[in-house]
């Protein structure tokens, strides 16, 4: 892989499920400027795996809003919904390593098992999956899939960790190497019957395919990097540097979200704000 300092490639990867807000502007500008500082490349990626929630009108709006801010990007833009085959091939690789298994549990099943056991180890996303389906026989799994039951494909974390050994990544925010501990997530979901890839799998594979050398994203995604580093090792993918920047917050101190319609770029534009004024609001 090229030295990230010498040939920086960054990306901004929104999901078109609503209008972009001030926090998105901060993230996009941060990535854009990180590439500009070294004469590198800035990419835009549309993370539209969730086809049920993503809308074409929101995708069109984000192109318009980002261009209004003065950003430019390489084309064609990678849209995840056009690359389901790539994610399927990655899942096939992991399946051949015998580290994937179908999980047929509902949220109710998981909650009941946790209550029955009397304890629930917690990870960044809440209680860890208690492994109910991990020990199902191949015949039982095949029968339930044939019957049409819904399922998620989970990564057997213990098996995966045996294959990889110790893992590290360089985090620019902290200016040091960080030891990856993906086991804090337990057996993470990498795909579902109805959804061909999780965020973890799709964005990790896309970053490799697109040659991203520095992943800039919010501090709220720092924990996810543990899982992404594991997937890079399992799938023999490049390992970029990471920069987890602070999140913009509203007046109450809560992180900005798409429901904060008054702070959407579209609303700020309609209120007469100039691109320069909006950029100033981000603090960049």
C-alpha atoms as a PDB file:
ATOM      1  CA  UNK A   1       0.000   0.000   0.000  1.00  0.00           C
ATOM      2  CA  UNK A   2       1.205   3.530  -0.736  1.00  0.00           C
ATOM      3  CA  UNK A   3       2.339   5.740   2.125  1.00  0.00           C
ATOM      4  CA  UNK A   4      -0.850   7.547   3.299  1.00  0.00           C
ATOM      5  CA  UNK A   5       1.166  10.681   4.006  1.00  0.00           C
ATOM      6  CA  UNK A   6       2.483  10.905   0.447  1.00  0.00           C
ATOM      7  CA  UNK A   7      -0.612   9.929  -1.535  1.00  0.00           C
ATOM      8  CA  UNK A   8      -3.673  10.567   0.575  1.00  0.00           C
ATOM      9  CA  UNK A   9      -6.983   9.192  -0.667  1.00  0.00           C
ATOM     10  CA  UNK A  10      -9.984  10.053   1.498  1.00  0.00           C
ATOM     11  CA  UNK A  11     -13.694   9.516   1.148  1.00  0.00           C
ATOM     12  CA  UNK A  12     -17.033  10.795   2.389  1.00  0.00           C
ATOM     13  CA  UNK A  13     -19.652   8.042   2.474  1.00  0.00           C
ATOM     14  CA  UNK A  14     -23.178   9.218   3.364  1.00  0.00           C
ATOM     15  CA  UNK A  15     -26.371   7.167   3.304  1.00  0.00           C
ATOM     16  CA  UNK A  16     -29.191   8.832   1.326  1.00  0.00           C
ATOM     17  CA  UNK A  17     -31.844   8.374   4.019  1.00  0.00           C
ATOM     18  CA  UNK A  18     -32.396  12.077   4.664  1.00  0.00           C
ATOM     19  CA  UNK A  19     -31.018  15.529   4.016  1.00  0.00           C
ATOM     20  CA  UNK A  20     -27.407  16.302   4.894  1.00  0.00           C
ATOM     21  CA  UNK A  21     -26.925  18.442   8.006  1.00  0.00           C
ATOM     22  CA  UNK A  22     -24.151  20.544   9.452  1.00  0.00           C
ATOM     23  CA  UNK A  23     -22.409  17.501  10.909  1.00  0.00           C
ATOM     24  CA  UNK A  24     -22.244  15.932   7.460  1.00  0.00           C
ATOM     25  CA  UNK A  25     -20.759  19.152   6.111  1.00  0.00           C
ATOM     26  CA  UNK A  26     -18.047  18.971   8.767  1.00  0.00           C
ATOM     27  CA  UNK A  27     -17.215  15.340   7.917  1.00  0.00           C
ATOM     28  CA  UNK A  28     -17.166  15.955   4.162  1.00  0.00           C
ATOM     29  CA  UNK A  29     -15.042  19.087   4.460  1.00  0.00           C
ATOM     30  CA  UNK A  30     -12.648  17.365   6.847  1.00  0.00           C
ATOM     31  CA  UNK A  31     -12.078  14.511   4.384  1.00  0.00           C
ATOM     32  CA  UNK A  32     -11.849  16.886   1.414  1.00  0.00           C
ATOM     33  CA  UNK A  33      -9.241  19.066   3.084  1.00  0.00           C
ATOM     34  CA  UNK A  34      -7.234  16.078   4.323  1.00  0.00           C
ATOM     35  CA  UNK A  35      -6.831  15.011   0.689  1.00  0.00           C
ATOM     36  CA  UNK A  36      -6.103  18.523  -0.526  1.00  0.00           C
ATOM     37  CA  UNK A  37      -3.266  18.990   1.976  1.00  0.00           C
ATOM     38  CA  UNK A  38      -1.150  16.409   0.133  1.00  0.00           C
ATOM     39  CA  UNK A  39      -2.524  16.944  -3.357  1.00  0.00           C
ATOM     40  CA  UNK A  40      -4.392  13.675  -2.947  1.00  0.00           C
ATOM     41  CA  UNK A  41      -7.798  12.406  -4.030  1.00  0.00           C
ATOM     42  CA  UNK A  42     -11.227  12.871  -2.473  1.00  0.00           C
ATOM     43  CA  UNK A  43     -13.894  10.273  -3.187  1.00  0.00           C
ATOM     44  CA  UNK A  44     -17.640  10.285  -2.639  1.00  0.00           C
ATOM     45  CA  UNK A  45     -19.372   6.972  -1.945  1.00  0.00           C
ATOM     46  CA  UNK A  46     -23.092   6.356  -1.575  1.00  0.00           C
ATOM     47  CA  UNK A  47     -23.778   3.802   1.162  1.00  0.00           C
ATOM     48  CA  UNK A  48     -27.214   2.624   0.033  1.00  0.00           C
ATOM     49  CA  UNK A  49     -27.149  -1.007   1.123  1.00  0.00           C
ATOM     50  CA  UNK A  50     -30.440  -0.445   2.944  1.00  0.00           C
ATOM     51  CA  UNK A  51     -32.526  -0.103  -0.198  1.00  0.00           C
ATOM     52  CA  UNK A  52     -35.731   0.111   1.841  1.00  0.00           C
ATOM     53  CA  UNK A  53     -34.741   3.383   3.533  1.00  0.00           C
ATOM     54  CA  UNK A  54     -32.579   5.052   0.881  1.00  0.00           C
ATOM     55  CA  UNK A  55     -34.240   7.479  -1.528  1.00  0.00           C
ATOM     56  CA  UNK A  56     -33.141   8.818  -4.918  1.00  0.00           C
ATOM     57  CA  UNK A  57     -34.279  12.325  -3.981  1.00  0.00           C
ATOM     58  CA  UNK A  58     -31.943  12.369  -0.980  1.00  0.00           C
ATOM     59  CA  UNK A  59     -29.056  11.168  -3.136  1.00  0.00           C
ATOM     60  CA  UNK A  60     -29.713  13.953  -5.638  1.00  0.00           C
ATOM     61  CA  UNK A  61     -29.920  16.466  -2.781  1.00  0.00           C
ATOM     62  CA  UNK A  62     -26.598  15.471  -1.269  1.00  0.00           C
ATOM     63  CA  UNK A  63     -24.802  15.920  -4.603  1.00  0.00           C
ATOM     64  CA  UNK A  64     -26.306  19.389  -4.890  1.00  0.00           C
ATOM     65  CA  UNK A  65     -25.524  20.349  -1.287  1.00  0.00           C
ATOM     66  CA  UNK A  66     -21.906  19.184  -1.438  1.00  0.00           C
ATOM     67  CA  UNK A  67     -21.305  21.000  -4.725  1.00  0.00           C
ATOM     68  CA  UNK A  68     -22.860  24.145  -3.189  1.00  0.00           C
ATOM     69  CA  UNK A  69     -20.285  23.904  -0.388  1.00  0.00           C
ATOM     70  CA  UNK A  70     -17.548  23.936  -3.039  1.00  0.00           C
ATOM     71  CA  UNK A  71     -16.579  20.270  -2.908  1.00  0.00           C
ATOM     72  CA  UNK A  72     -15.677  18.248  -5.989  1.00  0.00           C
ATOM     73  CA  UNK A  73     -15.053  14.526  -6.287  1.00  0.00           C
ATOM     74  CA  UNK A  74     -14.040  11.863  -8.741  1.00  0.00           C
ATOM     75  CA  UNK A  75     -16.613  10.142 -10.899  1.00  0.00           C
ATOM     76  CA  UNK A  76     -18.193   7.709 -11.283  1.00  0.00           C
ATOM     77  CA  UNK A  77     -19.394   7.674  -7.703  1.00  0.00           C
ATOM     78  CA  UNK A  78     -19.405   4.203  -6.138  1.00  0.00           C
ATOM     79  CA  UNK A  79     -22.908   3.178  -5.060  1.00  0.00           C
ATOM     80  CA  UNK A  80     -22.997   0.144  -2.803  1.00  0.00           C
ATOM     81  CA  UNK A  81     -26.298  -1.107  -4.228  1.00  0.00           C
ATOM     82  CA  UNK A  82     -24.484  -1.722  -7.513  1.00  0.00           C
ATOM     83  CA  UNK A  83     -21.868  -4.024  -5.943  1.00  0.00           C
ATOM     84  CA  UNK A  84     -23.789  -6.693  -4.066  1.00  0.00           C
ATOM     85  CA  UNK A  85     -21.800  -9.329  -5.969  1.00  0.00           C
ATOM     86  CA  UNK A  86     -18.529  -8.088  -4.424  1.00  0.00           C
ATOM     87  CA  UNK A  87     -19.925  -8.432  -0.918  1.00  0.00           C
ATOM     88  CA  UNK A  88     -21.244 -11.914  -1.726  1.00  0.00           C
ATOM     89  CA  UNK A  89     -17.769 -13.001  -2.861  1.00  0.00           C
ATOM     90  CA  UNK A  90     -16.263 -11.709   0.379  1.00  0.00           C
ATOM     91  CA  UNK A  91     -18.840 -13.666   2.373  1.00  0.00           C
ATOM     92  CA  UNK A  92     -17.972 -16.772   0.360  1.00  0.00           C
ATOM     93  CA  UNK A  93     -14.322 -16.356   1.364  1.00  0.00           C
ATOM     94  CA  UNK A  94     -15.244 -16.097   5.033  1.00  0.00           C
ATOM     95  CA  UNK A  95     -17.639 -19.016   4.755  1.00  0.00           C
ATOM     96  CA  UNK A  96     -14.893 -21.191   3.259  1.00  0.00           C
ATOM     97  CA  UNK A  97     -12.825 -20.383   6.353  1.00  0.00           C
ATOM     98  CA  UNK A  98     -15.628 -21.853   8.496  1.00  0.00           C
ATOM     99  CA  UNK A  99     -16.066 -18.666  10.519  1.00  0.00           C
ATOM    100  CA  UNK A 100     -19.610 -17.709   9.472  1.00  0.00           C
ATOM    101  CA  UNK A 101     -22.841 -19.201  10.741  1.00  0.00           C
ATOM    102  CA  UNK A 102     -26.538 -18.415  10.226  1.00  0.00           C
ATOM    103  CA  UNK A 103     -28.334 -17.041  13.255  1.00  0.00           C
ATOM    104  CA  UNK A 104     -32.119 -17.413  13.320  1.00  0.00           C
ATOM    105  CA  UNK A 105     -32.691 -15.587  16.617  1.00  0.00           C
ATOM    106  CA  UNK A 106     -35.112 -12.724  16.945  1.00  0.00           C
ATOM    107  CA  UNK A 107     -34.439  -9.847  19.319  1.00  0.00           C
ATOM    108  CA  UNK A 108     -36.986 -11.440  21.641  1.00  0.00           C
ATOM    109  CA  UNK A 109     -35.085 -14.755  21.560  1.00  0.00           C
ATOM    110  CA  UNK A 110     -31.827 -13.010  22.432  1.00  0.00           C
ATOM    111  CA  UNK A 111     -33.379 -10.979  25.246  1.00  0.00           C
ATOM    112  CA  UNK A 112     -34.980 -14.105  26.720  1.00  0.00           C
ATOM    113  CA  UNK A 113     -31.687 -16.015  26.654  1.00  0.00           C
ATOM    114  CA  UNK A 114     -29.866 -13.147  28.324  1.00  0.00           C
ATOM    115  CA  UNK A 115     -32.530 -12.963  31.023  1.00  0.00           C
ATOM    116  CA  UNK A 116     -32.413 -16.733  31.546  1.00  0.00           C
ATOM    117  CA  UNK A 117     -28.628 -16.783  31.910  1.00  0.00           C
ATOM    118  CA  UNK A 118     -28.702 -13.956  34.435  1.00  0.00           C
ATOM    119  CA  UNK A 119     -25.777 -12.062  32.943  1.00  0.00           C
ATOM    120  CA  UNK A 120     -25.090 -10.143  29.764  1.00  0.00           C
ATOM    121  CA  UNK A 121     -21.588  -9.042  28.754  1.00  0.00           C
ATOM    122  CA  UNK A 122     -21.863  -5.685  26.998  1.00  0.00           C
ATOM    123  CA  UNK A 123     -20.041  -4.288  23.986  1.00  0.00           C
ATOM    124  CA  UNK A 124     -20.173  -0.952  22.158  1.00  0.00           C
ATOM    125  CA  UNK A 125     -23.598  -1.779  20.690  1.00  0.00           C
ATOM    126  CA  UNK A 126     -25.148  -3.190  23.876  1.00  0.00           C
ATOM    127  CA  UNK A 127     -25.490  -6.765  25.189  1.00  0.00           C
ATOM    128  CA  UNK A 128     -23.374  -9.286  23.287  1.00  0.00           C
ATOM    129  CA  UNK A 129     -25.069 -12.045  21.344  1.00  0.00           C
ATOM    130  CA  UNK A 130     -25.138 -15.109  23.637  1.00  0.00           C
ATOM    131  CA  UNK A 131     -24.303 -17.617  20.891  1.00  0.00           C
ATOM    132  CA  UNK A 132     -27.632 -19.436  20.739  1.00  0.00           C
ATOM    133  CA  UNK A 133     -27.255 -20.568  17.106  1.00  0.00           C
ATOM    134  CA  UNK A 134     -23.488 -21.033  17.117  1.00  0.00           C
ATOM    135  CA  UNK A 135     -23.737 -24.735  17.962  1.00  0.00           C
ATOM    136  CA  UNK A 136     -26.539 -25.672  15.548  1.00  0.00           C
ATOM    137  CA  UNK A 137     -25.660 -28.651  13.381  1.00  0.00           C
ATOM    138  CA  UNK A 138     -25.138 -28.182   9.640  1.00  0.00           C
ATOM    139  CA  UNK A 139     -28.316 -30.199   9.002  1.00  0.00           C
ATOM    140  CA  UNK A 140     -30.370 -28.021  11.341  1.00  0.00           C
ATOM    141  CA  UNK A 141     -29.052 -24.881   9.704  1.00  0.00           C
ATOM    142  CA  UNK A 142     -29.765 -26.175   6.200  1.00  0.00           C
ATOM    143  CA  UNK A 143     -33.275 -27.235   7.155  1.00  0.00           C
ATOM    144  CA  UNK A 144     -34.191 -23.841   8.554  1.00  0.00           C
ATOM    145  CA  UNK A 145     -32.764 -22.003   5.563  1.00  0.00           C
ATOM    146  CA  UNK A 146     -34.669 -24.313   3.210  1.00  0.00           C
ATOM    147  CA  UNK A 147     -37.826 -23.626   5.200  1.00  0.00           C
ATOM    148  CA  UNK A 148     -37.403 -19.938   4.451  1.00  0.00           C
ATOM    149  CA  UNK A 149     -36.617 -18.713   7.968  1.00  0.00           C
ATOM    150  CA  UNK A 150     -35.058 -15.275   8.290  1.00  0.00           C
ATOM    151  CA  UNK A 151     -31.477 -15.269   9.462  1.00  0.00           C
ATOM    152  CA  UNK A 152     -28.368 -13.182   9.946  1.00  0.00           C
ATOM    153  CA  UNK A 153     -24.864 -14.296   9.031  1.00  0.00           C
ATOM    154  CA  UNK A 154     -22.689 -13.896  12.117  1.00  0.00           C
ATOM    155  CA  UNK A 155     -18.923 -14.008  12.364  1.00  0.00           C
ATOM    156  CA  UNK A 156     -17.678 -16.596  14.858  1.00  0.00           C
ATOM    157  CA  UNK A 157     -15.379 -14.177  16.651  1.00  0.00           C
ATOM    158  CA  UNK A 158     -13.414 -16.767  18.617  1.00  0.00           C
ATOM    159  CA  UNK A 159     -12.583 -18.778  15.492  1.00  0.00           C
ATOM    160  CA  UNK A 160     -11.710 -15.627  13.554  1.00  0.00           C
ATOM    161  CA  UNK A 161      -9.338 -14.378  16.224  1.00  0.00           C
ATOM    162  CA  UNK A 162      -7.445 -17.662  16.204  1.00  0.00           C
ATOM    163  CA  UNK A 163      -6.814 -17.162  12.490  1.00  0.00           C
ATOM    164  CA  UNK A 164      -5.550 -13.580  12.737  1.00  0.00           C
ATOM    165  CA  UNK A 165      -3.576 -13.272  15.939  1.00  0.00           C
ATOM    166  CA  UNK A 166      -2.722  -9.752  17.234  1.00  0.00           C
ATOM    167  CA  UNK A 167      -3.884  -6.841  15.072  1.00  0.00           C
ATOM    168  CA  UNK A 168      -3.037  -3.130  15.054  1.00  0.00           C
ATOM    169  CA  UNK A 169      -3.893   0.051  13.194  1.00  0.00           C
ATOM    170  CA  UNK A 170      -2.466   3.573  13.208  1.00  0.00           C
ATOM    171  CA  UNK A 171      -4.885   6.176  14.544  1.00  0.00           C
ATOM    172  CA  UNK A 172      -3.952   9.732  13.583  1.00  0.00           C
ATOM    173  CA  UNK A 173      -6.289  11.273  16.147  1.00  0.00           C
ATOM    174  CA  UNK A 174      -4.330   9.648  18.933  1.00  0.00           C
ATOM    175  CA  UNK A 175      -1.008   9.739  17.024  1.00  0.00           C
ATOM    176  CA  UNK A 176      -0.239   6.172  17.953  1.00  0.00           C
ATOM    177  CA  UNK A 177      -0.769   2.550  17.026  1.00  0.00           C
ATOM    178  CA  UNK A 178      -3.911   1.018  18.517  1.00  0.00           C
ATOM    179  CA  UNK A 179      -4.341  -2.665  19.339  1.00  0.00           C
ATOM    180  CA  UNK A 180      -7.503  -4.047  17.752  1.00  0.00           C
ATOM    181  CA  UNK A 181      -9.843  -5.906  20.090  1.00  0.00           C
ATOM    182  CA  UNK A 182     -12.823  -6.833  17.875  1.00  0.00           C
ATOM    183  CA  UNK A 183     -13.955  -9.413  20.420  1.00  0.00           C
ATOM    184  CA  UNK A 184     -15.625  -6.548  22.312  1.00  0.00           C
ATOM    185  CA  UNK A 185     -18.428  -6.835  19.730  1.00  0.00           C
ATOM    186  CA  UNK A 186     -18.936 -10.582  20.064  1.00  0.00           C
ATOM    187  CA  UNK A 187     -20.248 -12.462  17.024  1.00  0.00           C
ATOM    188  CA  UNK A 188     -21.061  -9.484  14.801  1.00  0.00           C
ATOM    189  CA  UNK A 189     -23.596  -9.647  11.977  1.00  0.00           C
ATOM    190  CA  UNK A 190     -22.013  -9.355   8.519  1.00  0.00           C
ATOM    191  CA  UNK A 191     -25.138  -9.851   6.391  1.00  0.00           C
ATOM    192  CA  UNK A 192     -28.795 -10.813   6.589  1.00  0.00           C
ATOM    193  CA  UNK A 193     -31.061 -12.868   4.381  1.00  0.00           C
ATOM    194  CA  UNK A 194     -32.733  -9.642   3.254  1.00  0.00           C
ATOM    195  CA  UNK A 195     -29.593  -7.458   3.243  1.00  0.00           C
ATOM    196  CA  UNK A 196     -26.462  -8.613   1.360  1.00  0.00           C
ATOM    197  CA  UNK A 197     -23.916  -6.926   3.640  1.00  0.00           C
ATOM    198  CA  UNK A 198     -23.658  -5.076   6.925  1.00  0.00           C
ATOM    199  CA  UNK A 199     -22.056  -1.673   7.301  1.00  0.00           C
ATOM    200  CA  UNK A 200     -18.940  -3.359   8.703  1.00  0.00           C
ATOM    201  CA  UNK A 201     -18.390  -5.599   5.687  1.00  0.00           C
ATOM    202  CA  UNK A 202     -19.436  -3.200   2.925  1.00  0.00           C
ATOM    203  CA  UNK A 203     -17.457  -0.153   4.011  1.00  0.00           C
ATOM    204  CA  UNK A 204     -14.309  -2.162   4.816  1.00  0.00           C
ATOM    205  CA  UNK A 205     -14.331  -3.855   1.419  1.00  0.00           C
ATOM    206  CA  UNK A 206     -15.168  -0.614  -0.397  1.00  0.00           C
ATOM    207  CA  UNK A 207     -12.303   1.264   1.256  1.00  0.00           C
ATOM    208  CA  UNK A 208      -9.910  -1.398  -0.042  1.00  0.00           C
ATOM    209  CA  UNK A 209     -11.381  -1.508  -3.538  1.00  0.00           C
ATOM    210  CA  UNK A 210     -11.297   2.286  -3.827  1.00  0.00           C
ATOM    211  CA  UNK A 211      -7.737   2.560  -2.536  1.00  0.00           C
ATOM    212  CA  UNK A 212      -8.622   4.742   0.459  1.00  0.00           C
ATOM    213  CA  UNK A 213      -5.459   5.433   2.468  1.00  0.00           C
ATOM    214  CA  UNK A 214      -6.886   7.592   5.265  1.00  0.00           C
ATOM    215  CA  UNK A 215     -10.363   6.905   6.636  1.00  0.00           C
ATOM    216  CA  UNK A 216     -11.700  10.081   8.226  1.00  0.00           C
ATOM    217  CA  UNK A 217     -14.901   9.659  10.194  1.00  0.00           C
ATOM    218  CA  UNK A 218     -16.577  10.609  13.457  1.00  0.00           C
ATOM    219  CA  UNK A 219     -15.314   9.561  16.862  1.00  0.00           C
ATOM    220  CA  UNK A 220     -18.574   7.622  17.293  1.00  0.00           C
ATOM    221  CA  UNK A 221     -17.210   5.058  14.814  1.00  0.00           C
ATOM    222  CA  UNK A 222     -13.900   4.510  16.611  1.00  0.00           C
ATOM    223  CA  UNK A 223     -15.086   1.220  18.132  1.00  0.00           C
ATOM    224  CA  UNK A 224     -16.179  -0.078  14.715  1.00  0.00           C
ATOM    225  CA  UNK A 225     -12.578   0.153  13.531  1.00  0.00           C
ATOM    226  CA  UNK A 226     -11.743  -2.852  15.724  1.00  0.00           C
ATOM    227  CA  UNK A 227     -14.062  -4.992  13.594  1.00  0.00           C
ATOM    228  CA  UNK A 228     -12.893  -3.435  10.333  1.00  0.00           C
ATOM    229  CA  UNK A 229      -9.276  -4.216  11.145  1.00  0.00           C
ATOM    230  CA  UNK A 230     -10.247  -7.844  11.739  1.00  0.00           C
ATOM    231  CA  UNK A 231     -12.051  -8.071   8.395  1.00  0.00           C
ATOM    232  CA  UNK A 232      -9.027  -6.570   6.641  1.00  0.00           C
ATOM    233  CA  UNK A 233      -6.848  -9.338   8.072  1.00  0.00           C
ATOM    234  CA  UNK A 234      -9.304 -12.123   7.231  1.00  0.00           C
ATOM    235  CA  UNK A 235      -9.889 -10.924   3.656  1.00  0.00           C
ATOM    236  CA  UNK A 236      -6.279  -9.820   3.022  1.00  0.00           C
ATOM    237  CA  UNK A 237      -7.250  -6.184   2.488  1.00  0.00           C
ATOM    238  CA  UNK A 238      -5.118  -3.053   2.766  1.00  0.00           C
ATOM    239  CA  UNK A 239      -5.093  -1.296   6.131  1.00  0.00           C
ATOM    240  CA  UNK A 240      -5.494   2.488   5.867  1.00  0.00           C
ATOM    241  CA  UNK A 241      -4.694   5.031   8.556  1.00  0.00           C
ATOM    242  CA  UNK A 242      -7.686   6.289  10.545  1.00  0.00           C
ATOM    243  CA  UNK A 243      -8.610   9.745  11.797  1.00  0.00           C
ATOM    244  CA  UNK A 244     -11.650   9.840  14.075  1.00  0.00           C
ATOM    245  CA  UNK A 245     -12.634  13.480  14.274  1.00  0.00           C
ATOM    246  CA  UNK A 246     -14.884  15.085  16.926  1.00  0.00           C
ATOM    247  CA  UNK A 247     -18.621  15.234  16.320  1.00  0.00           C
ATOM    248  CA  UNK A 248     -20.524  18.461  15.939  1.00  0.00           C
ATOM    249  CA  UNK A 249     -23.204  18.864  18.582  1.00  0.00           C
ATOM    250  CA  UNK A 250     -26.291  21.010  18.901  1.00  0.00           C
ATOM    251  CA  UNK A 251     -27.111  23.576  21.570  1.00  0.00           C
ATOM    252  CA  UNK A 252     -28.148  20.813  23.998  1.00  0.00           C
ATOM    253  CA  UNK A 253     -24.862  18.968  23.527  1.00  0.00           C
ATOM    254  CA  UNK A 254     -26.413  16.090  21.581  1.00  0.00           C
ATOM    255  CA  UNK A 255     -24.814  14.985  18.324  1.00  0.00           C
ATOM    256  CA  UNK A 256     -26.475  16.322  15.198  1.00  0.00           C
ATOM    257  CA  UNK A 257     -28.835  13.957  13.381  1.00  0.00           C
ATOM    258  CA  UNK A 258     -30.953  13.995  10.244  1.00  0.00           C
ATOM    259  CA  UNK A 259     -34.012  14.718  12.357  1.00  0.00           C
ATOM    260  CA  UNK A 260     -32.496  18.154  13.158  1.00  0.00           C
ATOM    261  CA  UNK A 261     -34.166  19.686  10.129  1.00  0.00           C
ATOM    262  CA  UNK A 262     -33.302  23.286  11.047  1.00  0.00           C
ATOM    263  CA  UNK A 263     -29.607  22.433  10.682  1.00  0.00           C
ATOM    264  CA  UNK A 264     -29.946  20.628   7.361  1.00  0.00           C
ATOM    265  CA  UNK A 265     -27.849  22.180   4.618  1.00  0.00           C
ATOM    266  CA  UNK A 266     -31.029  22.651   2.599  1.00  0.00           C
ATOM    267  CA  UNK A 267     -32.651  24.636   5.426  1.00  0.00           C
ATOM    268  CA  UNK A 268     -29.535  26.731   6.002  1.00  0.00           C
ATOM    269  CA  UNK A 269     -29.419  27.542   2.299  1.00  0.00           C
ATOM    270  CA  UNK A 270     -33.108  28.468   2.287  1.00  0.00           C
ATOM    271  CA  UNK A 271     -32.477  30.772   5.249  1.00  0.00           C
ATOM    272  CA  UNK A 272     -29.995  32.709   3.127  1.00  0.00           C
ATOM    273  CA  UNK A 273     -26.753  31.348   4.527  1.00  0.00           C
ATOM    274  CA  UNK A 274     -23.816  31.419   2.136  1.00  0.00           C
ATOM    275  CA  UNK A 275     -21.466  28.443   1.679  1.00  0.00           C
ATOM    276  CA  UNK A 276     -18.782  30.428   3.519  1.00  0.00           C
ATOM    277  CA  UNK A 277     -21.128  31.070   6.437  1.00  0.00           C
ATOM    278  CA  UNK A 278     -22.071  27.391   6.685  1.00  0.00           C
ATOM    279  CA  UNK A 279     -18.417  26.328   6.565  1.00  0.00           C
ATOM    280  CA  UNK A 280     -17.720  28.816   9.361  1.00  0.00           C
ATOM    281  CA  UNK A 281     -20.455  27.157  11.442  1.00  0.00           C
ATOM    282  CA  UNK A 282     -18.535  23.881  11.245  1.00  0.00           C
ATOM    283  CA  UNK A 283     -15.475  25.501  12.806  1.00  0.00           C
ATOM    284  CA  UNK A 284     -13.211  24.346   9.978  1.00  0.00           C
END
